Amino acid sequence: MRDMYPEIEPSETGMLDVGDGQHIYWEISGNLTGKPVVFLHGGPGGGTSPAHRRLFDPEKYRIVLFDQRGCGLSIPHASAPEADLSVNTTWHLVRDIEKLREHLGVDRWQVFGGSWGSTLALAYAETHPDRVTELVLRGIFTLRPVELEWFYEGGASVLFPDLWEQFVAAAPHGSPGRYIAEFGRLLDDPDPAVHGPAAIAWSRWESSTITLLPQADTIARFTEPEYATAFARIENHYFRHGGWFTEEQLIRESPKLAGIPAVIVQGRYDICTPIMTAWDLHRAWPEATLKIVDDAGHAFDEPGILAELLAATDRFAETPRDAGE
């Protein structure tokens, strides 16, 4: 199986004022004159990590990472009770990506996104197809009601009844079809004694189910209190609003992606973002290459998924950046 590229440090970092009192952290690593690629992290609210730089050949790519509003090193952080999530929506983030592209002087770039990052990548590319050279997508998620109901309202409990029982114990006044709303009520409460346990329960449920086999390090990182609070608040906020999409929007508008080379990598046993959505997207957008990994769940660093992601970025590294112009 493939290993990630060696660890590298960023050569440039900064904070970009994107308006609404929000400043997003960004960094560049790799070859400063290489092919531009922007990495869109998951969650929403998951933030970036040094491992994400290692998905790209540093000799060939100018690697751009940034933390979306409210998480990671971006400020204000959503773990603060006074954080204003009304200015944190999908379309704010799409505009932020464009502001960052312009700030960095990039004309067109490859867009890489997994899980929520695939959602944001699709939203961005369907809005600005002329700015995208290629798409690399993993664990397709489009925030359709059926997807949210499966993972957050009880569907996935048929596979993880023990973990589901722990999850819903943190929202004793919830009920099927109302758990997202009830967690939202708890997470909006400024009292740490109320929002803290809810945030940790939310984050533990997700981190315990995103890999084919449990990863203790992943669960520990997700349930660190400050991380868990921002992560759970931002995710729940987006899910309560359906991502600010109309019905089936991202799949329905996939014809806008015509001509953009793309690879979709999907774990067969992905419980968080089941394969049904990747399949529906592929049927609507057949020119995208779909790679189904038969021995994997959701996480990018599971061996089979990682190998396909690296193969995709290696392949696209050889594509001239002006291809299609």
C-alpha atoms as a PDB file:
ATOM      1  CA  MET A   1       0.000   0.000   0.000  1.00  0.00           C
ATOM      2  CA  ARG A   2       1.084   3.576  -0.651  1.00  0.00           C
ATOM      3  CA  ASP A   3       2.485   5.782   2.071  1.00  0.00           C
ATOM      4  CA  MET A   4       1.757   9.474   2.192  1.00  0.00           C
ATOM      5  CA  TYR A   5       4.428  11.891   1.035  1.00  0.00           C
ATOM      6  CA  PRO A   6       7.001  12.900   3.696  1.00  0.00           C
ATOM      7  CA  GLU A   7       6.118  15.451   6.354  1.00  0.00           C
ATOM      8  CA  ILE A   8       6.678  19.041   5.289  1.00  0.00           C
ATOM      9  CA  GLU A   9       6.254  22.442   6.892  1.00  0.00           C
ATOM     10  CA  PRO A  10       4.444  25.407   5.324  1.00  0.00           C
ATOM     11  CA  SER A  11       6.610  28.014   3.635  1.00  0.00           C
ATOM     12  CA  GLU A  12       3.960  30.725   3.869  1.00  0.00           C
ATOM     13  CA  THR A  13       1.099  31.302   6.318  1.00  0.00           C
ATOM     14  CA  GLY A  14      -1.386  34.068   6.885  1.00  0.00           C
ATOM     15  CA  MET A  15      -4.773  35.202   8.140  1.00  0.00           C
ATOM     16  CA  LEU A  16      -7.208  36.478   5.532  1.00  0.00           C
ATOM     17  CA  ASP A  17      -9.991  38.891   6.470  1.00  0.00           C
ATOM     18  CA  VAL A  18     -13.038  37.520   4.642  1.00  0.00           C
ATOM     19  CA  GLY A  19     -15.544  39.933   6.146  1.00  0.00           C
ATOM     20  CA  ASP A  20     -18.268  39.523   8.755  1.00  0.00           C
ATOM     21  CA  GLY A  21     -15.599  39.757  11.458  1.00  0.00           C
ATOM     22  CA  GLN A  22     -14.100  36.457  10.253  1.00  0.00           C
ATOM     23  CA  HIS A  23     -10.429  35.733   9.590  1.00  0.00           C
ATOM     24  CA  ILE A  24      -9.368  32.430   8.048  1.00  0.00           C
ATOM     25  CA  TYR A  25      -5.980  30.800   8.499  1.00  0.00           C
ATOM     26  CA  TRP A  26      -4.206  29.728   5.301  1.00  0.00           C
ATOM     27  CA  GLU A  27      -0.881  28.135   4.473  1.00  0.00           C
ATOM     28  CA  ILE A  28       1.179  27.156   1.437  1.00  0.00           C
ATOM     29  CA  SER A  29       3.627  24.271   1.260  1.00  0.00           C
ATOM     30  CA  GLY A  30       5.419  22.331  -1.441  1.00  0.00           C
ATOM     31  CA  ASN A  31       6.675  23.889  -4.668  1.00  0.00           C
ATOM     32  CA  LEU A  32       5.799  27.590  -4.728  1.00  0.00           C
ATOM     33  CA  THR A  33       5.853  27.553  -8.527  1.00  0.00           C
ATOM     34  CA  GLY A  34       4.075  24.186  -8.798  1.00  0.00           C
ATOM     35  CA  LYS A  35       0.567  23.299  -9.824  1.00  0.00           C
ATOM     36  CA  PRO A  36      -1.937  24.930  -7.400  1.00  0.00           C
ATOM     37  CA  VAL A  37      -4.225  22.690  -5.373  1.00  0.00           C
ATOM     38  CA  VAL A  38      -6.592  23.726  -2.592  1.00  0.00           C
ATOM     39  CA  PHE A  39      -7.532  21.219   0.107  1.00  0.00           C
ATOM     40  CA  LEU A  40     -11.039  21.501   1.582  1.00  0.00           C
ATOM     41  CA  HIS A  41     -11.328  19.821   4.975  1.00  0.00           C
ATOM     42  CA  GLY A  42     -14.280  17.909   6.355  1.00  0.00           C
ATOM     43  CA  GLY A  43     -16.803  18.499   9.071  1.00  0.00           C
ATOM     44  CA  PRO A  44     -17.816  21.212   8.508  1.00  0.00           C
ATOM     45  CA  GLY A  45     -15.687  22.394  11.388  1.00  0.00           C
ATOM     46  CA  GLY A  46     -13.012  19.710  11.220  1.00  0.00           C
ATOM     47  CA  GLY A  47     -10.055  21.948  10.396  1.00  0.00           C
ATOM     48  CA  THR A  48      -6.854  20.964   8.630  1.00  0.00           C
ATOM     49  CA  SER A  49      -3.910  18.943   9.925  1.00  0.00           C
ATOM     50  CA  PRO A  50      -0.270  18.543   8.820  1.00  0.00           C
ATOM     51  CA  ALA A  51      -1.151  15.117   7.366  1.00  0.00           C
ATOM     52  CA  HIS A  52      -3.293  16.792   4.715  1.00  0.00           C
ATOM     53  CA  ARG A  53      -0.183  18.331   3.124  1.00  0.00           C
ATOM     54  CA  ARG A  54       1.110  14.818   2.547  1.00  0.00           C
ATOM     55  CA  LEU A  55      -1.576  13.902  -0.003  1.00  0.00           C
ATOM     56  CA  PHE A  56       0.297  15.802  -2.719  1.00  0.00           C
ATOM     57  CA  ASP A  57       3.752  15.509  -4.292  1.00  0.00           C
ATOM     58  CA  PRO A  58       5.576  18.509  -2.761  1.00  0.00           C
ATOM     59  CA  GLU A  59       7.896  18.775  -5.747  1.00  0.00           C
ATOM     60  CA  LYS A  60       5.003  19.231  -8.162  1.00  0.00           C
ATOM     61  CA  TYR A  61       2.234  20.967  -6.220  1.00  0.00           C
ATOM     62  CA  ARG A  62       1.755  24.359  -4.636  1.00  0.00           C
ATOM     63  CA  ILE A  63      -0.331  23.029  -1.749  1.00  0.00           C
ATOM     64  CA  VAL A  64      -2.907  25.397  -0.226  1.00  0.00           C
ATOM     65  CA  LEU A  65      -4.640  24.478   3.027  1.00  0.00           C
ATOM     66  CA  PHE A  66      -7.002  26.685   5.006  1.00  0.00           C
ATOM     67  CA  ASP A  67      -9.257  26.387   8.027  1.00  0.00           C
ATOM     68  CA  GLN A  68     -12.866  27.234   7.260  1.00  0.00           C
ATOM     69  CA  ARG A  69     -14.762  29.772   9.351  1.00  0.00           C
ATOM     70  CA  GLY A  70     -14.931  29.097  13.063  1.00  0.00           C
ATOM     71  CA  CYS A  71     -12.499  26.186  13.325  1.00  0.00           C
ATOM     72  CA  GLY A  72      -8.829  25.265  13.392  1.00  0.00           C
ATOM     73  CA  LEU A  73      -6.723  28.417  13.612  1.00  0.00           C
ATOM     74  CA  SER A  74      -9.393  30.644  12.084  1.00  0.00           C
ATOM     75  CA  ILE A  75     -11.016  33.262  14.298  1.00  0.00           C
ATOM     76  CA  PRO A  76     -13.353  33.801  16.003  1.00  0.00           C
ATOM     77  CA  HIS A  77     -13.477  30.155  17.050  1.00  0.00           C
ATOM     78  CA  ALA A  78     -16.864  28.437  17.278  1.00  0.00           C
ATOM     79  CA  SER A  79     -16.000  26.980  20.674  1.00  0.00           C
ATOM     80  CA  ALA A  80     -16.627  30.437  22.154  1.00  0.00           C
ATOM     81  CA  PRO A  81     -20.232  30.767  23.394  1.00  0.00           C
ATOM     82  CA  GLU A  82     -20.587  34.154  21.715  1.00  0.00           C
ATOM     83  CA  ALA A  83     -19.499  32.890  18.270  1.00  0.00           C
ATOM     84  CA  ASP A  84     -21.902  34.072  15.545  1.00  0.00           C
ATOM     85  CA  LEU A  85     -22.734  31.139  13.292  1.00  0.00           C
ATOM     86  CA  SER A  86     -25.211  33.153  11.229  1.00  0.00           C
ATOM     87  CA  VAL A  87     -22.262  34.246   9.053  1.00  0.00           C
ATOM     88  CA  ASN A  88     -21.037  30.681   8.634  1.00  0.00           C
ATOM     89  CA  THR A  89     -22.868  29.046   5.708  1.00  0.00           C
ATOM     90  CA  THR A  90     -21.915  27.091   2.601  1.00  0.00           C
ATOM     91  CA  TRP A  91     -22.153  30.188   0.451  1.00  0.00           C
ATOM     92  CA  HIS A  92     -19.989  32.237   2.797  1.00  0.00           C
ATOM     93  CA  LEU A  93     -17.362  29.495   2.440  1.00  0.00           C
ATOM     94  CA  VAL A  94     -17.648  29.429  -1.355  1.00  0.00           C
ATOM     95  CA  ARG A  95     -16.979  33.170  -1.370  1.00  0.00           C
ATOM     96  CA  ASP A  96     -14.073  32.680   1.042  1.00  0.00           C
ATOM     97  CA  ILE A  97     -12.432  30.214  -1.342  1.00  0.00           C
ATOM     98  CA  GLU A  98     -12.664  32.754  -4.143  1.00  0.00           C
ATOM     99  CA  LYS A  99     -11.230  35.494  -1.926  1.00  0.00           C
ATOM    100  CA  LEU A 100      -8.349  33.210  -0.996  1.00  0.00           C
ATOM    101  CA  ARG A 101      -7.710  32.307  -4.643  1.00  0.00           C
ATOM    102  CA  GLU A 102      -7.573  35.966  -5.590  1.00  0.00           C
ATOM    103  CA  HIS A 103      -5.422  36.818  -2.550  1.00  0.00           C
ATOM    104  CA  LEU A 104      -2.863  34.169  -3.518  1.00  0.00           C
ATOM    105  CA  GLY A 105      -2.847  35.177  -7.184  1.00  0.00           C
ATOM    106  CA  VAL A 106      -4.047  31.787  -8.426  1.00  0.00           C
ATOM    107  CA  ASP A 107      -5.900  31.702 -11.748  1.00  0.00           C
ATOM    108  CA  ARG A 108      -7.149  28.087 -11.657  1.00  0.00           C
ATOM    109  CA  TRP A 109      -6.535  25.283  -9.214  1.00  0.00           C
ATOM    110  CA  GLN A 110      -7.220  21.668  -8.475  1.00  0.00           C
ATOM    111  CA  VAL A 111      -9.861  21.245  -5.763  1.00  0.00           C
ATOM    112  CA  PHE A 112      -9.575  18.328  -3.332  1.00  0.00           C
ATOM    113  CA  GLY A 113     -12.275  17.605  -0.761  1.00  0.00           C
ATOM    114  CA  GLY A 114     -13.454  14.691   1.335  1.00  0.00           C
ATOM    115  CA  SER A 115     -16.694  14.195   3.277  1.00  0.00           C
ATOM    116  CA  TRP A 116     -18.008  17.723   3.945  1.00  0.00           C
ATOM    117  CA  GLY A 117     -15.026  18.840   1.858  1.00  0.00           C
ATOM    118  CA  SER A 118     -16.610  17.022  -1.103  1.00  0.00           C
ATOM    119  CA  THR A 119     -19.818  18.977  -0.488  1.00  0.00           C
ATOM    120  CA  LEU A 120     -17.970  22.267  -0.470  1.00  0.00           C
ATOM    121  CA  ALA A 121     -15.854  21.267  -3.477  1.00  0.00           C
ATOM    122  CA  LEU A 122     -18.988  20.498  -5.495  1.00  0.00           C
ATOM    123  CA  ALA A 123     -20.672  23.738  -4.406  1.00  0.00           C
ATOM    124  CA  TYR A 124     -17.567  25.749  -5.308  1.00  0.00           C
ATOM    125  CA  ALA A 125     -16.937  24.005  -8.627  1.00  0.00           C
ATOM    126  CA  GLU A 126     -20.578  24.285  -9.715  1.00  0.00           C
ATOM    127  CA  THR A 127     -20.424  28.014  -8.906  1.00  0.00           C
ATOM    128  CA  HIS A 128     -16.970  28.669 -10.411  1.00  0.00           C
ATOM    129  CA  PRO A 129     -16.257  25.877 -12.928  1.00  0.00           C
ATOM    130  CA  ASP A 130     -13.880  28.126 -14.837  1.00  0.00           C
ATOM    131  CA  ARG A 131     -11.563  28.235 -11.803  1.00  0.00           C
ATOM    132  CA  VAL A 132     -11.207  24.456 -11.386  1.00  0.00           C
ATOM    133  CA  THR A 133      -8.614  22.354 -13.224  1.00  0.00           C
ATOM    134  CA  GLU A 134      -9.575  18.987 -11.641  1.00  0.00           C
ATOM    135  CA  LEU A 135     -11.610  17.600  -8.769  1.00  0.00           C
ATOM    136  CA  VAL A 136     -10.546  14.871  -6.329  1.00  0.00           C
ATOM    137  CA  LEU A 137     -13.470  13.900  -4.093  1.00  0.00           C
ATOM    138  CA  ARG A 138     -13.835  11.355  -1.288  1.00  0.00           C
ATOM    139  CA  GLY A 139     -16.782  10.118   0.766  1.00  0.00           C
ATOM    140  CA  ILE A 140     -19.451  12.025  -1.129  1.00  0.00           C
ATOM    141  CA  PHE A 141     -21.846  13.967   1.071  1.00  0.00           C
ATOM    142  CA  THR A 142     -24.532  16.345  -0.211  1.00  0.00           C
ATOM    143  CA  LEU A 143     -26.662  16.965   2.933  1.00  0.00           C
ATOM    144  CA  ARG A 144     -29.804  15.497   1.428  1.00  0.00           C
ATOM    145  CA  PRO A 145     -32.405  14.659   4.087  1.00  0.00           C
ATOM    146  CA  VAL A 146     -31.938  10.927   3.502  1.00  0.00           C
ATOM    147  CA  GLU A 147     -28.210  11.247   4.246  1.00  0.00           C
ATOM    148  CA  LEU A 148     -28.736  13.219   7.464  1.00  0.00           C
ATOM    149  CA  GLU A 149     -31.527  10.947   8.641  1.00  0.00           C
ATOM    150  CA  TRP A 150     -29.383   7.860   8.080  1.00  0.00           C
ATOM    151  CA  PHE A 151     -26.459   8.962  10.223  1.00  0.00           C
ATOM    152  CA  TYR A 152     -27.944  11.375  12.766  1.00  0.00           C
ATOM    153  CA  GLU A 153     -31.547  10.299  13.237  1.00  0.00           C
ATOM    154  CA  GLY A 154     -31.199   6.561  13.809  1.00  0.00           C
ATOM    155  CA  GLY A 155     -30.588   4.711  10.562  1.00  0.00           C
ATOM    156  CA  ALA A 156     -26.983   3.825  11.334  1.00  0.00           C
ATOM    157  CA  SER A 157     -28.023   2.532  14.757  1.00  0.00           C
ATOM    158  CA  VAL A 158     -28.774  -0.816  13.121  1.00  0.00           C
ATOM    159  CA  LEU A 159     -25.015  -1.283  12.729  1.00  0.00           C
ATOM    160  CA  PHE A 160     -23.829   0.485  15.876  1.00  0.00           C
ATOM    161  CA  PRO A 161     -26.578   0.049  18.503  1.00  0.00           C
ATOM    162  CA  ASP A 162     -24.069   0.290  21.362  1.00  0.00           C
ATOM    163  CA  LEU A 163     -22.547   3.551  20.123  1.00  0.00           C
ATOM    164  CA  TRP A 164     -25.965   4.949  19.191  1.00  0.00           C
ATOM    165  CA  GLU A 165     -27.208   4.332  22.717  1.00  0.00           C
ATOM    166  CA  GLN A 166     -24.338   6.429  24.085  1.00  0.00           C
ATOM    167  CA  PHE A 167     -25.044   9.165  21.526  1.00  0.00           C
ATOM    168  CA  VAL A 168     -28.756   9.575  22.282  1.00  0.00           C
ATOM    169  CA  ALA A 169     -28.160   9.356  26.045  1.00  0.00           C
ATOM    170  CA  ALA A 170     -26.666  12.851  25.756  1.00  0.00           C
ATOM    171  CA  ALA A 171     -29.984  14.143  24.322  1.00  0.00           C
ATOM    172  CA  PRO A 172     -32.614  12.448  26.514  1.00  0.00           C
ATOM    173  CA  HIS A 173     -35.398  14.708  25.223  1.00  0.00           C
ATOM    174  CA  GLY A 174     -34.649  13.836  21.608  1.00  0.00           C
ATOM    175  CA  SER A 175     -36.525  11.367  19.442  1.00  0.00           C
ATOM    176  CA  PRO A 176     -36.103   9.875  15.951  1.00  0.00           C
ATOM    177  CA  GLY A 177     -36.380  12.680  13.454  1.00  0.00           C
ATOM    178  CA  ARG A 178     -35.605  15.254  16.148  1.00  0.00           C
ATOM    179  CA  TYR A 179     -32.084  14.404  17.332  1.00  0.00           C
ATOM    180  CA  ILE A 180     -30.348  16.997  15.160  1.00  0.00           C
ATOM    181  CA  ALA A 181     -32.751  19.655  16.470  1.00  0.00           C
ATOM    182  CA  GLU A 182     -32.379  18.559  20.093  1.00  0.00           C
ATOM    183  CA  PHE A 183     -28.597  18.510  19.913  1.00  0.00           C
ATOM    184  CA  GLY A 184     -28.814  21.944  18.345  1.00  0.00           C
ATOM    185  CA  ARG A 185     -30.726  23.230  21.358  1.00  0.00           C
ATOM    186  CA  LEU A 186     -28.095  21.830  23.699  1.00  0.00           C
ATOM    187  CA  LEU A 187     -25.131  23.041  21.649  1.00  0.00           C
ATOM    188  CA  ASP A 188     -26.569  26.559  21.451  1.00  0.00           C
ATOM    189  CA  ASP A 189     -26.697  26.794  25.241  1.00  0.00           C
ATOM    190  CA  PRO A 190     -23.842  29.023  26.505  1.00  0.00           C
ATOM    191  CA  ASP A 191     -23.450  26.938  29.685  1.00  0.00           C
ATOM    192  CA  PRO A 192     -20.481  24.530  29.302  1.00  0.00           C
ATOM    193  CA  ALA A 193     -22.288  22.091  31.581  1.00  0.00           C
ATOM    194  CA  VAL A 194     -24.997  21.849  28.907  1.00  0.00           C
ATOM    195  CA  HIS A 195     -23.182  22.203  25.584  1.00  0.00           C
ATOM    196  CA  GLY A 196     -19.986  20.402  26.638  1.00  0.00           C
ATOM    197  CA  PRO A 197     -21.360  16.862  27.110  1.00  0.00           C
ATOM    198  CA  ALA A 198     -23.535  17.235  24.006  1.00  0.00           C
ATOM    199  CA  ALA A 199     -20.534  18.277  21.912  1.00  0.00           C
ATOM    200  CA  ILE A 200     -18.417  15.376  23.098  1.00  0.00           C
ATOM    201  CA  ALA A 201     -21.228  12.871  22.505  1.00  0.00           C
ATOM    202  CA  TRP A 202     -21.786  14.228  18.982  1.00  0.00           C
ATOM    203  CA  SER A 203     -18.096  14.095  18.151  1.00  0.00           C
ATOM    204  CA  ARG A 204     -17.582  10.659  19.702  1.00  0.00           C
ATOM    205  CA  TRP A 205     -20.426   9.170  17.647  1.00  0.00           C
ATOM    206  CA  GLU A 206     -18.905  10.446  14.420  1.00  0.00           C
ATOM    207  CA  SER A 207     -15.275   9.617  15.192  1.00  0.00           C
ATOM    208  CA  SER A 208     -16.164   6.110  16.375  1.00  0.00           C
ATOM    209  CA  THR A 209     -17.940   5.210  13.149  1.00  0.00           C
ATOM    210  CA  ILE A 210     -15.895   6.804  10.340  1.00  0.00           C
ATOM    211  CA  THR A 211     -13.336   3.996  10.072  1.00  0.00           C
ATOM    212  CA  LEU A 212     -13.793   0.336   9.244  1.00  0.00           C
ATOM    213  CA  LEU A 213     -12.016  -0.455  12.524  1.00  0.00           C
ATOM    214  CA  PRO A 214     -11.973   1.942  15.512  1.00  0.00           C
ATOM    215  CA  GLN A 215      -9.017   4.329  15.773  1.00  0.00           C
ATOM    216  CA  ALA A 216      -8.387   5.417  19.349  1.00  0.00           C
ATOM    217  CA  ASP A 217      -6.245   8.391  18.298  1.00  0.00           C
ATOM    218  CA  THR A 218      -9.008   9.712  16.045  1.00  0.00           C
ATOM    219  CA  ILE A 219     -11.622   9.422  18.785  1.00  0.00           C
ATOM    220  CA  ALA A 220      -9.336  11.170  21.291  1.00  0.00           C
ATOM    221  CA  ARG A 221      -8.694  14.067  18.903  1.00  0.00           C
ATOM    222  CA  PHE A 222     -12.381  14.527  18.098  1.00  0.00           C
ATOM    223  CA  THR A 223     -13.431  14.484  21.765  1.00  0.00           C
ATOM    224  CA  GLU A 224     -10.937  17.078  22.999  1.00  0.00           C
ATOM    225  CA  PRO A 225     -13.384  19.630  24.498  1.00  0.00           C
ATOM    226  CA  GLU A 226     -12.487  22.755  22.490  1.00  0.00           C
ATOM    227  CA  TYR A 227     -12.303  20.833  19.221  1.00  0.00           C
ATOM    228  CA  ALA A 228     -15.506  18.916  19.946  1.00  0.00           C
ATOM    229  CA  THR A 229     -17.444  22.075  20.776  1.00  0.00           C
ATOM    230  CA  ALA A 230     -16.534  23.892  17.567  1.00  0.00           C
ATOM    231  CA  PHE A 231     -16.926  20.768  15.447  1.00  0.00           C
ATOM    232  CA  ALA A 232     -20.330  19.797  16.841  1.00  0.00           C
ATOM    233  CA  ARG A 233     -21.706  23.346  16.801  1.00  0.00           C
ATOM    234  CA  ILE A 234     -20.695  24.023  13.205  1.00  0.00           C
ATOM    235  CA  GLU A 235     -21.833  20.625  11.905  1.00  0.00           C
ATOM    236  CA  ASN A 236     -25.158  20.794  13.668  1.00  0.00           C
ATOM    237  CA  HIS A 237     -25.727  24.355  12.427  1.00  0.00           C
ATOM    238  CA  TYR A 238     -25.159  23.260   8.834  1.00  0.00           C
ATOM    239  CA  PHE A 239     -27.304  20.159   9.183  1.00  0.00           C
ATOM    240  CA  ARG A 240     -30.243  22.024  10.710  1.00  0.00           C
ATOM    241  CA  HIS A 241     -30.222  24.218   7.606  1.00  0.00           C
ATOM    242  CA  GLY A 242     -29.663  21.437   5.076  1.00  0.00           C
ATOM    243  CA  GLY A 243     -26.471  23.133   3.950  1.00  0.00           C
ATOM    244  CA  TRP A 244     -28.562  25.981   2.480  1.00  0.00           C
ATOM    245  CA  PHE A 245     -29.153  23.824  -0.596  1.00  0.00           C
ATOM    246  CA  THR A 246     -32.327  23.269  -2.530  1.00  0.00           C
ATOM    247  CA  GLU A 247     -33.508  19.673  -2.958  1.00  0.00           C
ATOM    248  CA  GLU A 248     -30.861  17.491  -4.644  1.00  0.00           C
ATOM    249  CA  GLN A 249     -29.033  20.676  -5.663  1.00  0.00           C
ATOM    250  CA  LEU A 250     -25.464  19.424  -5.900  1.00  0.00           C
ATOM    251  CA  ILE A 251     -26.358  16.293  -7.844  1.00  0.00           C
ATOM    252  CA  ARG A 252     -28.919  18.069 -10.029  1.00  0.00           C
ATOM    253  CA  GLU A 253     -26.414  20.757 -10.994  1.00  0.00           C
ATOM    254  CA  SER A 254     -23.519  18.376 -11.683  1.00  0.00           C
ATOM    255  CA  PRO A 255     -23.794  18.982 -15.477  1.00  0.00           C
ATOM    256  CA  LYS A 256     -22.073  22.296 -14.726  1.00  0.00           C
ATOM    257  CA  LEU A 257     -18.936  20.224 -14.069  1.00  0.00           C
ATOM    258  CA  ALA A 258     -18.754  18.964 -17.663  1.00  0.00           C
ATOM    259  CA  GLY A 259     -15.194  18.958 -18.927  1.00  0.00           C
ATOM    260  CA  ILE A 260     -13.555  19.010 -15.487  1.00  0.00           C
ATOM    261  CA  PRO A 261     -11.459  15.846 -14.969  1.00  0.00           C
ATOM    262  CA  ALA A 262     -12.537  14.210 -11.708  1.00  0.00           C
ATOM    263  CA  VAL A 263     -11.972  11.188  -9.494  1.00  0.00           C
ATOM    264  CA  ILE A 264     -14.451  10.086  -6.814  1.00  0.00           C
ATOM    265  CA  VAL A 265     -13.047   7.749  -4.127  1.00  0.00           C
ATOM    266  CA  GLN A 266     -15.618   5.948  -1.997  1.00  0.00           C
ATOM    267  CA  GLY A 267     -15.294   3.318   0.727  1.00  0.00           C
ATOM    268  CA  ARG A 268     -17.721   0.420   0.242  1.00  0.00           C
ATOM    269  CA  TYR A 269     -18.443   0.309   3.999  1.00  0.00           C
ATOM    270  CA  ASP A 270     -18.610   4.039   4.624  1.00  0.00           C
ATOM    271  CA  ILE A 271     -21.287   4.389   7.303  1.00  0.00           C
ATOM    272  CA  CYS A 272     -21.000   8.164   7.720  1.00  0.00           C
ATOM    273  CA  THR A 273     -21.537   9.013   4.037  1.00  0.00           C
ATOM    274  CA  PRO A 274     -22.897   5.817   2.463  1.00  0.00           C
ATOM    275  CA  ILE A 275     -22.004   4.838  -1.072  1.00  0.00           C
ATOM    276  CA  MET A 276     -25.544   5.603  -2.298  1.00  0.00           C
ATOM    277  CA  THR A 277     -24.674   9.291  -2.660  1.00  0.00           C
ATOM    278  CA  ALA A 278     -21.438   8.686  -4.570  1.00  0.00           C
ATOM    279  CA  TRP A 279     -23.398   6.370  -6.858  1.00  0.00           C
ATOM    280  CA  ASP A 280     -26.180   8.911  -7.417  1.00  0.00           C
ATOM    281  CA  LEU A 281     -23.588  11.575  -8.232  1.00  0.00           C
ATOM    282  CA  HIS A 282     -21.721   9.256 -10.592  1.00  0.00           C
ATOM    283  CA  ARG A 283     -24.924   8.390 -12.451  1.00  0.00           C
ATOM    284  CA  ALA A 284     -25.666  12.098 -12.911  1.00  0.00           C
ATOM    285  CA  TRP A 285     -22.035  12.851 -13.800  1.00  0.00           C
ATOM    286  CA  PRO A 286     -20.704   9.714 -15.534  1.00  0.00           C
ATOM    287  CA  GLU A 287     -17.541  11.331 -16.871  1.00  0.00           C
ATOM    288  CA  ALA A 288     -16.162  11.415 -13.311  1.00  0.00           C
ATOM    289  CA  THR A 289     -14.141   8.294 -12.505  1.00  0.00           C
ATOM    290  CA  LEU A 290     -15.608   6.409  -9.538  1.00  0.00           C
ATOM    291  CA  LYS A 291     -13.197   4.297  -7.476  1.00  0.00           C
ATOM    292  CA  ILE A 292     -14.953   2.035  -4.950  1.00  0.00           C
ATOM    293  CA  VAL A 293     -12.645   0.721  -2.234  1.00  0.00           C
ATOM    294  CA  ASP A 294     -14.050  -2.598  -1.061  1.00  0.00           C
ATOM    295  CA  ASP A 295     -12.224  -2.835   2.277  1.00  0.00           C
ATOM    296  CA  ALA A 296     -12.673   0.674   3.641  1.00  0.00           C
ATOM    297  CA  GLY A 297     -15.000   2.949   5.567  1.00  0.00           C
ATOM    298  CA  HIS A 298     -14.938   6.735   5.451  1.00  0.00           C
ATOM    299  CA  ALA A 299     -11.559   8.077   6.594  1.00  0.00           C
ATOM    300  CA  PHE A 300      -8.989   9.392   4.109  1.00  0.00           C
ATOM    301  CA  ASP A 301      -6.098   7.531   5.724  1.00  0.00           C
ATOM    302  CA  GLU A 302      -7.550   4.032   5.473  1.00  0.00           C
ATOM    303  CA  PRO A 303      -5.065   2.177   3.247  1.00  0.00           C
ATOM    304  CA  GLY A 304      -7.227   1.545   0.186  1.00  0.00           C
ATOM    305  CA  ILE A 305      -8.705   5.037   0.166  1.00  0.00           C
ATOM    306  CA  LEU A 306      -5.314   6.646   0.674  1.00  0.00           C
ATOM    307  CA  ALA A 307      -3.835   4.690  -2.231  1.00  0.00           C
ATOM    308  CA  GLU A 308      -6.593   5.874  -4.586  1.00  0.00           C
ATOM    309  CA  LEU A 309      -6.312   9.495  -3.445  1.00  0.00           C
ATOM    310  CA  LEU A 310      -2.550   9.512  -3.986  1.00  0.00           C
ATOM    311  CA  ALA A 311      -2.982   7.882  -7.395  1.00  0.00           C
ATOM    312  CA  ALA A 312      -5.425  10.641  -8.341  1.00  0.00           C
ATOM    313  CA  THR A 313      -3.226  13.519  -7.204  1.00  0.00           C
ATOM    314  CA  ASP A 314      -0.186  11.931  -8.856  1.00  0.00           C
ATOM    315  CA  ARG A 315      -2.111  11.534 -12.098  1.00  0.00           C
ATOM    316  CA  PHE A 316      -3.345  15.105 -12.103  1.00  0.00           C
ATOM    317  CA  ALA A 317       0.104  16.446 -11.212  1.00  0.00           C
ATOM    318  CA  GLU A 318       1.120  15.499 -14.754  1.00  0.00           C
ATOM    319  CA  THR A 319      -1.811  17.350 -16.355  1.00  0.00           C
ATOM    320  CA  PRO A 320      -0.792  20.797 -17.650  1.00  0.00           C
ATOM    321  CA  ARG A 321      -2.368  23.470 -15.495  1.00  0.00           C
ATOM    322  CA  ASP A 322      -3.745  25.209 -18.580  1.00  0.00           C
ATOM    323  CA  ALA A 323      -5.407  22.068 -19.944  1.00  0.00           C
ATOM    324  CA  GLY A 324      -8.872  22.862 -21.234  1.00  0.00           C
ATOM    325  CA  GLU A 325      -8.253  26.567 -21.630  1.00  0.00           C
END
